[in-house]
Amino acid sequence: MYGLTLMFFFSSEHKCAAKETEFMEIPSLPVARFKDLGEDEDGDEICSICLVEFEGEDAVSKLRRCEHVFHYNCMEQWLDRNQFSCPLCRSLLFS
């Protein structure tokens, strides 16, 4: 069954009409140094995307709706994969 599915997706005979779509402009992520957020710097906080502890000079994004904190680069990669919700609570990042 999987062979047929893969053949369907990679078949050169399968044509799909390209449509021009307008994408809404995505607001930028907030960025700050971790130590400037006033969060706990004693190693209790980790980025739940990469699982690395935050350090004082790390560039982080604190999400506006849920206030979860992630490394800025981790959130950029998250968005590049078309994930537009918080990795922890799944609240929408942009309204």
PDB file of N, CA and C in Angstrom:
ATOM      1  N   MET A   1       0.822  -1.191   0.000  1.00  0.00           N
ATOM      2  CA  MET A   1       0.000   0.000   0.000  1.00  0.00           C
ATOM      3  C   MET A   1       0.862   1.250   0.000  1.00  0.00           C
ATOM      4  N   TYR A   2       1.945   1.244   0.787  1.00  0.00           N
ATOM      5  CA  TYR A   2       2.802   2.417   0.848  1.00  0.00           C
ATOM      6  C   TYR A   2       3.482   2.691  -0.489  1.00  0.00           C
ATOM      7  N   GLY A   3       3.848   1.625  -1.204  1.00  0.00           N
ATOM      8  CA  GLY A   3       4.476   1.785  -2.511  1.00  0.00           C
ATOM      9  C   GLY A   3       3.566   2.512  -3.475  1.00  0.00           C
ATOM     10  N   LEU A   4       2.282   2.191  -3.435  1.00  0.00           N
ATOM     11  CA  LEU A   4       1.332   2.860  -4.306  1.00  0.00           C
ATOM     12  C   LEU A   4       1.165   4.325  -3.926  1.00  0.00           C
ATOM     13  N   THR A   5       1.138   4.592  -2.638  1.00  0.00           N
ATOM     14  CA  THR A   5       0.995   5.965  -2.167  1.00  0.00           C
ATOM     15  C   THR A   5       2.190   6.798  -2.590  1.00  0.00           C
ATOM     16  N   LEU A   6       3.397   6.269  -2.411  1.00  0.00           N
ATOM     17  CA  LEU A   6       4.592   7.001  -2.795  1.00  0.00           C
ATOM     18  C   LEU A   6       4.638   7.210  -4.297  1.00  0.00           C
ATOM     19  N   MET A   7       4.220   6.204  -5.065  1.00  0.00           N
ATOM     20  CA  MET A   7       4.222   6.339  -6.501  1.00  0.00           C
ATOM     21  C   MET A   7       3.244   7.431  -6.928  1.00  0.00           C
ATOM     22  N   PHE A   8       2.127   7.542  -6.236  1.00  0.00           N
ATOM     23  CA  PHE A   8       1.151   8.566  -6.552  1.00  0.00           C
ATOM     24  C   PHE A   8       1.732   9.956  -6.341  1.00  0.00           C
ATOM     25  N   PHE A   9       2.435  10.160  -5.232  1.00  0.00           N
ATOM     26  CA  PHE A   9       2.989  11.471  -4.924  1.00  0.00           C
ATOM     27  C   PHE A   9       4.163  11.838  -5.820  1.00  0.00           C
ATOM     28  N   PHE A  10       4.939  10.860  -6.258  1.00  0.00           N
ATOM     29  CA  PHE A  10       6.123  11.160  -7.038  1.00  0.00           C
ATOM     30  C   PHE A  10       5.950  10.889  -8.531  1.00  0.00           C
ATOM     31  N   SER A  11       4.786  10.525  -8.942  1.00  0.00           N
ATOM     32  CA  SER A  11       4.529  10.260 -10.343  1.00  0.00           C
ATOM     33  C   SER A  11       4.581  11.543 -11.148  1.00  0.00           C
ATOM     34  N   SER A  12       5.262  11.506 -12.292  1.00  0.00           N
ATOM     35  CA  SER A  12       5.341  12.699 -13.137  1.00  0.00           C
ATOM     36  C   SER A  12       4.032  12.935 -13.880  1.00  0.00           C
ATOM     37  N   GLU A  13       3.169  11.911 -13.932  1.00  0.00           N
ATOM     38  CA  GLU A  13       1.895  12.066 -14.611  1.00  0.00           C
ATOM     39  C   GLU A  13       0.885  12.837 -13.763  1.00  0.00           C
ATOM     40  N   HIS A  14       1.127  12.874 -12.453  1.00  0.00           N
ATOM     41  CA  HIS A  14       0.222  13.584 -11.548  1.00  0.00           C
ATOM     42  C   HIS A  14       0.470  15.078 -11.693  1.00  0.00           C
ATOM     43  N   LYS A  15      -0.505  15.779 -12.218  1.00  0.00           N
ATOM     44  CA  LYS A  15      -0.355  17.216 -12.426  1.00  0.00           C
ATOM     45  C   LYS A  15      -1.286  17.952 -11.487  1.00  0.00           C
ATOM     46  N   CYS A  16      -0.804  19.024 -10.973  1.00  0.00           N
ATOM     47  CA  CYS A  16      -1.669  19.810 -10.124  1.00  0.00           C
ATOM     48  C   CYS A  16      -1.602  21.249 -10.568  1.00  0.00           C
ATOM     49  N   ALA A  17      -2.726  21.880 -10.581  1.00  0.00           N
ATOM     50  CA  ALA A  17      -2.796  23.271 -11.042  1.00  0.00           C
ATOM     51  C   ALA A  17      -2.236  24.187  -9.971  1.00  0.00           C
ATOM     52  N   ALA A  18      -1.257  24.969 -10.367  1.00  0.00           N
ATOM     53  CA  ALA A  18      -0.665  25.925  -9.431  1.00  0.00           C
ATOM     54  C   ALA A  18      -1.572  27.147  -9.350  1.00  0.00           C
ATOM     55  N   LYS A  19      -1.898  27.502  -8.154  1.00  0.00           N
ATOM     56  CA  LYS A  19      -2.737  28.666  -7.929  1.00  0.00           C
ATOM     57  C   LYS A  19      -1.927  29.713  -7.186  1.00  0.00           C
ATOM     58  N   GLU A  20      -2.116  30.942  -7.570  1.00  0.00           N
ATOM     59  CA  GLU A  20      -1.472  32.008  -6.823  1.00  0.00           C
ATOM     60  C   GLU A  20      -2.317  32.287  -5.601  1.00  0.00           C
ATOM     61  N   THR A  21      -1.681  32.249  -4.467  1.00  0.00           N
ATOM     62  CA  THR A  21      -2.385  32.535  -3.230  1.00  0.00           C
ATOM     63  C   THR A  21      -1.696  33.684  -2.533  1.00  0.00           C
ATOM     64  N   GLU A  22      -2.478  34.468  -1.873  1.00  0.00           N
ATOM     65  CA  GLU A  22      -1.921  35.562  -1.099  1.00  0.00           C
ATOM     66  C   GLU A  22      -1.845  35.116   0.349  1.00  0.00           C
ATOM     67  N   PHE A  23      -0.673  35.231   0.909  1.00  0.00           N
ATOM     68  CA  PHE A  23      -0.480  34.866   2.295  1.00  0.00           C
ATOM     69  C   PHE A  23      -0.554  36.123   3.138  1.00  0.00           C
ATOM     70  N   MET A  24      -1.209  36.004   4.275  1.00  0.00           N
ATOM     71  CA  MET A  24      -1.257  37.144   5.163  1.00  0.00           C
ATOM     72  C   MET A  24       0.144  37.404   5.705  1.00  0.00           C
ATOM     73  N   GLU A  25       0.430  38.649   5.959  1.00  0.00           N
ATOM     74  CA  GLU A  25       1.731  38.992   6.498  1.00  0.00           C
ATOM     75  C   GLU A  25       1.798  38.524   7.943  1.00  0.00           C
ATOM     76  N   ILE A  26       2.844  37.794   8.249  1.00  0.00           N
ATOM     77  CA  ILE A  26       2.999  37.247   9.592  1.00  0.00           C
ATOM     78  C   ILE A  26       3.788  38.244  10.429  1.00  0.00           C
ATOM     79  N   PRO A  27       3.242  38.633  11.564  1.00  0.00           N
ATOM     80  CA  PRO A  27       3.975  39.562  12.423  1.00  0.00           C
ATOM     81  C   PRO A  27       5.275  38.928  12.917  1.00  0.00           C
ATOM     82  N   SER A  28       6.218  39.759  13.257  1.00  0.00           N
ATOM     83  CA  SER A  28       7.502  39.239  13.716  1.00  0.00           C
ATOM     84  C   SER A  28       7.389  38.729  15.157  1.00  0.00           C
ATOM     85  N   LEU A  29       8.292  37.848  15.482  1.00  0.00           N
ATOM     86  CA  LEU A  29       8.342  37.312  16.838  1.00  0.00           C
ATOM     87  C   LEU A  29       8.998  38.328  17.762  1.00  0.00           C
ATOM     88  N   PRO A  30       8.545  38.405  18.994  1.00  0.00           N
ATOM     89  CA  PRO A  30       9.243  39.260  19.952  1.00  0.00           C
ATOM     90  C   PRO A  30      10.598  38.626  20.281  1.00  0.00           C
ATOM     91  N   VAL A  31      11.610  39.449  20.459  1.00  0.00           N
ATOM     92  CA  VAL A  31      12.933  38.935  20.793  1.00  0.00           C
ATOM     93  C   VAL A  31      13.532  39.767  21.919  1.00  0.00           C
ATOM     94  N   ALA A  32      14.192  39.075  22.856  1.00  0.00           N
ATOM     95  CA  ALA A  32      14.837  39.732  23.994  1.00  0.00           C
ATOM     96  C   ALA A  32      15.930  38.803  24.505  1.00  0.00           C
ATOM     97  N   ARG A  33      16.802  39.334  25.327  1.00  0.00           N
ATOM     98  CA  ARG A  33      17.762  38.476  26.020  1.00  0.00           C
ATOM     99  C   ARG A  33      17.034  37.817  27.182  1.00  0.00           C
ATOM    100  N   PHE A  34      17.385  36.592  27.469  1.00  0.00           N
ATOM    101  CA  PHE A  34      16.704  35.858  28.529  1.00  0.00           C
ATOM    102  C   PHE A  34      16.793  36.591  29.860  1.00  0.00           C
ATOM    103  N   LYS A  35      17.960  37.143  30.168  1.00  0.00           N
ATOM    104  CA  LYS A  35      18.119  37.816  31.460  1.00  0.00           C
ATOM    105  C   LYS A  35      17.259  39.073  31.565  1.00  0.00           C
ATOM    106  N   ASP A  36      16.891  39.665  30.424  1.00  0.00           N
ATOM    107  CA  ASP A  36      16.058  40.871  30.438  1.00  0.00           C
ATOM    108  C   ASP A  36      14.584  40.567  30.697  1.00  0.00           C
ATOM    109  N   LEU A  37      14.193  39.315  30.584  1.00  0.00           N
ATOM    110  CA  LEU A  37      12.794  38.949  30.816  1.00  0.00           C
ATOM    111  C   LEU A  37      12.459  38.884  32.300  1.00  0.00           C
ATOM    112  N   GLY A  38      13.485  38.812  33.136  1.00  0.00           N
ATOM    113  CA  GLY A  38      13.239  38.684  34.569  1.00  0.00           C
ATOM    114  C   GLY A  38      12.816  37.285  34.953  1.00  0.00           C
ATOM    115  N   GLU A  39      13.075  36.331  34.060  1.00  0.00           N
ATOM    116  CA  GLU A  39      12.742  34.929  34.343  1.00  0.00           C
ATOM    117  C   GLU A  39      13.810  34.341  35.252  1.00  0.00           C
ATOM    118  N   ASP A  40      13.549  33.170  35.745  1.00  0.00           N
ATOM    119  CA  ASP A  40      14.458  32.453  36.633  1.00  0.00           C
ATOM    120  C   ASP A  40      15.704  32.029  35.860  1.00  0.00           C
ATOM    121  N   GLU A  41      16.882  32.477  36.259  1.00  0.00           N
ATOM    122  CA  GLU A  41      18.117  32.130  35.567  1.00  0.00           C
ATOM    123  C   GLU A  41      18.897  31.024  36.242  1.00  0.00           C
ATOM    124  N   ASP A  42      18.328  30.330  37.201  1.00  0.00           N
ATOM    125  CA  ASP A  42      19.089  29.322  37.941  1.00  0.00           C
ATOM    126  C   ASP A  42      19.048  27.940  37.291  1.00  0.00           C
ATOM    127  N   GLY A  43      18.717  27.866  36.006  1.00  0.00           N
ATOM    128  CA  GLY A  43      18.736  26.596  35.294  1.00  0.00           C
ATOM    129  C   GLY A  43      17.427  25.857  35.302  1.00  0.00           C
ATOM    130  N   ASP A  44      16.376  26.447  35.862  1.00  0.00           N
ATOM    131  CA  ASP A  44      15.081  25.777  35.902  1.00  0.00           C
ATOM    132  C   ASP A  44      14.342  25.862  34.570  1.00  0.00           C
ATOM    133  N   GLU A  45      14.698  26.857  33.759  1.00  0.00           N
ATOM    134  CA  GLU A  45      13.984  27.075  32.511  1.00  0.00           C
ATOM    135  C   GLU A  45      14.731  26.446  31.345  1.00  0.00           C
ATOM    136  N   ILE A  46      14.001  25.682  30.517  1.00  0.00           N
ATOM    137  CA  ILE A  46      14.592  25.120  29.306  1.00  0.00           C
ATOM    138  C   ILE A  46      13.688  25.419  28.123  1.00  0.00           C
ATOM    139  N   CYS A  47      14.272  25.453  26.956  1.00  0.00           N
ATOM    140  CA  CYS A  47      13.505  25.583  25.722  1.00  0.00           C
ATOM    141  C   CYS A  47      12.915  24.214  25.419  1.00  0.00           C
ATOM    142  N   SER A  48      11.623  24.126  25.311  1.00  0.00           N
ATOM    143  CA  SER A  48      11.008  22.816  25.103  1.00  0.00           C
ATOM    144  C   SER A  48      11.063  22.364  23.647  1.00  0.00           C
ATOM    145  N   ILE A  49      11.659  23.174  22.774  1.00  0.00           N
ATOM    146  CA  ILE A  49      11.879  22.721  21.395  1.00  0.00           C
ATOM    147  C   ILE A  49      13.211  21.979  21.309  1.00  0.00           C
ATOM    148  N   CYS A  50      14.299  22.615  21.789  1.00  0.00           N
ATOM    149  CA  CYS A  50      15.631  21.998  21.691  1.00  0.00           C
ATOM    150  C   CYS A  50      16.078  21.330  22.990  1.00  0.00           C
ATOM    151  N   LEU A  51      15.349  21.564  24.082  1.00  0.00           N
ATOM    152  CA  LEU A  51      15.634  20.976  25.394  1.00  0.00           C
ATOM    153  C   LEU A  51      16.973  21.420  25.990  1.00  0.00           C
ATOM    154  N   VAL A  52      17.378  22.659  25.688  1.00  0.00           N
ATOM    155  CA  VAL A  52      18.596  23.233  26.229  1.00  0.00           C
ATOM    156  C   VAL A  52      18.210  24.333  27.211  1.00  0.00           C
ATOM    157  N   GLU A  53      18.927  24.391  28.337  1.00  0.00           N
ATOM    158  CA  GLU A  53      18.644  25.407  29.349  1.00  0.00           C
ATOM    159  C   GLU A  53      18.942  26.803  28.804  1.00  0.00           C
ATOM    160  N   PHE A  54      18.135  27.772  29.222  1.00  0.00           N
ATOM    161  CA  PHE A  54      18.375  29.159  28.847  1.00  0.00           C
ATOM    162  C   PHE A  54      19.535  29.711  29.649  1.00  0.00           C
ATOM    163  N   GLU A  55      20.331  30.550  29.005  1.00  0.00           N
ATOM    164  CA  GLU A  55      21.382  31.284  29.678  1.00  0.00           C
ATOM    165  C   GLU A  55      21.077  32.768  29.519  1.00  0.00           C
ATOM    166  N   GLY A  56      21.693  33.599  30.335  1.00  0.00           N
ATOM    167  CA  GLY A  56      21.379  35.020  30.391  1.00  0.00           C
ATOM    168  C   GLY A  56      21.427  35.760  29.074  1.00  0.00           C
ATOM    169  N   GLU A  57      22.392  35.463  28.217  1.00  0.00           N
ATOM    170  CA  GLU A  57      22.561  36.191  26.956  1.00  0.00           C
ATOM    171  C   GLU A  57      21.813  35.564  25.787  1.00  0.00           C
ATOM    172  N   ASP A  58      21.099  34.478  25.996  1.00  0.00           N
ATOM    173  CA  ASP A  58      20.366  33.819  24.902  1.00  0.00           C
ATOM    174  C   ASP A  58      19.272  34.720  24.359  1.00  0.00           C
ATOM    175  N   ALA A  59      19.173  34.765  23.028  1.00  0.00           N
ATOM    176  CA  ALA A  59      18.062  35.471  22.382  1.00  0.00           C
ATOM    177  C   ALA A  59      16.842  34.564  22.467  1.00  0.00           C
ATOM    178  N   VAL A  60      15.769  35.071  23.080  1.00  0.00           N
ATOM    179  CA  VAL A  60      14.567  34.269  23.284  1.00  0.00           C
ATOM    180  C   VAL A  60      13.329  35.020  22.793  1.00  0.00           C
ATOM    181  N   SER A  61      12.286  34.272  22.562  1.00  0.00           N
ATOM    182  CA  SER A  61      10.983  34.830  22.230  1.00  0.00           C
ATOM    183  C   SER A  61      10.003  34.427  23.316  1.00  0.00           C
ATOM    184  N   LYS A  62       9.355  35.415  23.906  1.00  0.00           N
ATOM    185  CA  LYS A  62       8.287  35.144  24.861  1.00  0.00           C
ATOM    186  C   LYS A  62       6.987  35.393  24.110  1.00  0.00           C
ATOM    187  N   LEU A  63       6.216  34.346  23.910  1.00  0.00           N
ATOM    188  CA  LEU A  63       5.004  34.444  23.102  1.00  0.00           C
ATOM    189  C   LEU A  63       3.978  35.332  23.792  1.00  0.00           C
ATOM    190  N   ARG A  64       3.294  36.126  22.996  1.00  0.00           N
ATOM    191  CA  ARG A  64       2.385  37.138  23.542  1.00  0.00           C
ATOM    192  C   ARG A  64       1.157  36.538  24.221  1.00  0.00           C
ATOM    193  N   ARG A  65       0.577  35.536  23.624  1.00  0.00           N
ATOM    194  CA  ARG A  65      -0.683  34.990  24.167  1.00  0.00           C
ATOM    195  C   ARG A  65      -0.475  34.142  25.413  1.00  0.00           C
ATOM    196  N   CYS A  66       0.418  33.190  25.338  1.00  0.00           N
ATOM    197  CA  CYS A  66       0.565  32.227  26.431  1.00  0.00           C
ATOM    198  C   CYS A  66       1.780  32.513  27.316  1.00  0.00           C
ATOM    199  N   GLU A  67       2.655  33.376  26.865  1.00  0.00           N
ATOM    200  CA  GLU A  67       3.857  33.784  27.582  1.00  0.00           C
ATOM    201  C   GLU A  67       4.872  32.658  27.792  1.00  0.00           C
ATOM    202  N   HIS A  68       4.816  31.610  26.960  1.00  0.00           N
ATOM    203  CA  HIS A  68       5.856  30.588  26.999  1.00  0.00           C
ATOM    204  C   HIS A  68       7.099  31.151  26.320  1.00  0.00           C
ATOM    205  N   VAL A  69       8.270  30.699  26.775  1.00  0.00           N
ATOM    206  CA  VAL A  69       9.548  31.223  26.288  1.00  0.00           C
ATOM    207  C   VAL A  69      10.308  30.130  25.554  1.00  0.00           C
ATOM    208  N   PHE A  70      10.880  30.494  24.404  1.00  0.00           N
ATOM    209  CA  PHE A  70      11.668  29.577  23.577  1.00  0.00           C
ATOM    210  C   PHE A  70      12.865  30.337  23.029  1.00  0.00           C
ATOM    211  N   HIS A  71      13.921  29.617  22.647  1.00  0.00           N
ATOM    212  CA  HIS A  71      15.020  30.270  21.945  1.00  0.00           C
ATOM    213  C   HIS A  71      14.461  30.880  20.655  1.00  0.00           C
ATOM    214  N   TYR A  72      14.936  32.059  20.318  1.00  0.00           N
ATOM    215  CA  TYR A  72      14.453  32.748  19.126  1.00  0.00           C
ATOM    216  C   TYR A  72      14.689  31.898  17.872  1.00  0.00           C
ATOM    217  N   ASN A  73      15.884  31.326  17.736  1.00  0.00           N
ATOM    218  CA  ASN A  73      16.186  30.504  16.555  1.00  0.00           C
ATOM    219  C   ASN A  73      15.297  29.265  16.492  1.00  0.00           C
ATOM    220  N   CYS A  74      14.985  28.686  17.628  1.00  0.00           N
ATOM    221  CA  CYS A  74      14.095  27.518  17.653  1.00  0.00           C
ATOM    222  C   CYS A  74      12.709  27.893  17.143  1.00  0.00           C
ATOM    223  N   MET A  75      12.209  29.057  17.575  1.00  0.00           N
ATOM    224  CA  MET A  75      10.874  29.493  17.120  1.00  0.00           C
ATOM    225  C   MET A  75      10.878  29.828  15.637  1.00  0.00           C
ATOM    226  N   GLU A  76      11.964  30.410  15.129  1.00  0.00           N
ATOM    227  CA  GLU A  76      12.038  30.681  13.693  1.00  0.00           C
ATOM    228  C   GLU A  76      11.967  29.390  12.896  1.00  0.00           C
ATOM    229  N   GLN A  77      12.687  28.365  13.340  1.00  0.00           N
ATOM    230  CA  GLN A  77      12.643  27.072  12.659  1.00  0.00           C
ATOM    231  C   GLN A  77      11.262  26.434  12.784  1.00  0.00           C
ATOM    232  N   TRP A  78      10.612  26.613  13.919  1.00  0.00           N
ATOM    233  CA  TRP A  78       9.260  26.105  14.135  1.00  0.00           C
ATOM    234  C   TRP A  78       8.309  26.726  13.111  1.00  0.00           C
ATOM    235  N   LEU A  79       8.423  28.029  12.920  1.00  0.00           N
ATOM    236  CA  LEU A  79       7.575  28.728  11.956  1.00  0.00           C
ATOM    237  C   LEU A  79       7.917  28.349  10.517  1.00  0.00           C
ATOM    238  N   ASP A  80       9.193  28.106  10.240  1.00  0.00           N
ATOM    239  CA  ASP A  80       9.598  27.691   8.892  1.00  0.00           C
ATOM    240  C   ASP A  80       8.952  26.369   8.498  1.00  0.00           C
ATOM    241  N   ARG A  81       8.591  25.566   9.494  1.00  0.00           N
ATOM    242  CA  ARG A  81       7.917  24.283   9.230  1.00  0.00           C
ATOM    243  C   ARG A  81       6.399  24.433   9.220  1.00  0.00           C
ATOM    244  N   ASN A  82       5.939  25.692   9.090  1.00  0.00           N
ATOM    245  CA  ASN A  82       4.508  25.995   9.020  1.00  0.00           C
ATOM    246  C   ASN A  82       3.741  25.573  10.262  1.00  0.00           C
ATOM    247  N   GLN A  83       4.379  25.706  11.392  1.00  0.00           N
ATOM    248  CA  GLN A  83       3.726  25.461  12.675  1.00  0.00           C
ATOM    249  C   GLN A  83       3.393  26.831  13.268  1.00  0.00           C
ATOM    250  N   PHE A  84       2.129  27.174  13.342  1.00  0.00           N
ATOM    251  CA  PHE A  84       1.737  28.501  13.796  1.00  0.00           C
ATOM    252  C   PHE A  84       0.997  28.469  15.133  1.00  0.00           C
ATOM    253  N   SER A  85       1.408  27.531  15.975  1.00  0.00           N
ATOM    254  CA  SER A  85       0.854  27.456  17.321  1.00  0.00           C
ATOM    255  C   SER A  85       2.002  27.226  18.298  1.00  0.00           C
ATOM    256  N   CYS A  86       1.757  27.512  19.558  1.00  0.00           N
ATOM    257  CA  CYS A  86       2.771  27.332  20.591  1.00  0.00           C
ATOM    258  C   CYS A  86       3.136  25.851  20.680  1.00  0.00           C
ATOM    259  N   PRO A  87       4.431  25.527  20.721  1.00  0.00           N
ATOM    260  CA  PRO A  87       4.823  24.120  20.830  1.00  0.00           C
ATOM    261  C   PRO A  87       4.365  23.448  22.124  1.00  0.00           C
ATOM    262  N   LEU A  88       4.087  24.228  23.153  1.00  0.00           N
ATOM    263  CA  LEU A  88       3.639  23.640  24.431  1.00  0.00           C
ATOM    264  C   LEU A  88       2.134  23.526  24.546  1.00  0.00           C
ATOM    265  N   CYS A  89       1.429  24.637  24.377  1.00  0.00           N
ATOM    266  CA  CYS A  89      -0.009  24.640  24.666  1.00  0.00           C
ATOM    267  C   CYS A  89      -0.878  24.706  23.413  1.00  0.00           C
ATOM    268  N   ARG A  90      -0.251  24.855  22.256  1.00  0.00           N
ATOM    269  CA  ARG A  90      -0.952  24.888  20.958  1.00  0.00           C
ATOM    270  C   ARG A  90      -1.855  26.105  20.767  1.00  0.00           C
ATOM    271  N   SER A  91      -1.692  27.148  21.564  1.00  0.00           N
ATOM    272  CA  SER A  91      -2.457  28.376  21.302  1.00  0.00           C
ATOM    273  C   SER A  91      -1.888  29.029  20.056  1.00  0.00           C
ATOM    274  N   LEU A  92      -2.734  29.670  19.281  1.00  0.00           N
ATOM    275  CA  LEU A  92      -2.300  30.293  18.030  1.00  0.00           C
ATOM    276  C   LEU A  92      -1.316  31.421  18.332  1.00  0.00           C
ATOM    277  N   LEU A  93      -0.265  31.495  17.510  1.00  0.00           N
ATOM    278  CA  LEU A  93       0.751  32.509  17.716  1.00  0.00           C
ATOM    279  C   LEU A  93       0.308  33.878  17.229  1.00  0.00           C
ATOM    280  N   PHE A  94      -0.426  33.902  16.137  1.00  0.00           N
ATOM    281  CA  PHE A  94      -0.840  35.170  15.530  1.00  0.00           C
ATOM    282  C   PHE A  94      -2.336  35.145  15.308  1.00  0.00           C
ATOM    283  N   SER A  95      -2.965  36.282  15.542  1.00  0.00           N
ATOM    284  CA  SER A  95      -4.422  36.326  15.317  1.00  0.00           C
ATOM    285  C   SER A  95      -4.747  37.111  14.086  1.00  0.00           C
TER     286      SER A  95
END
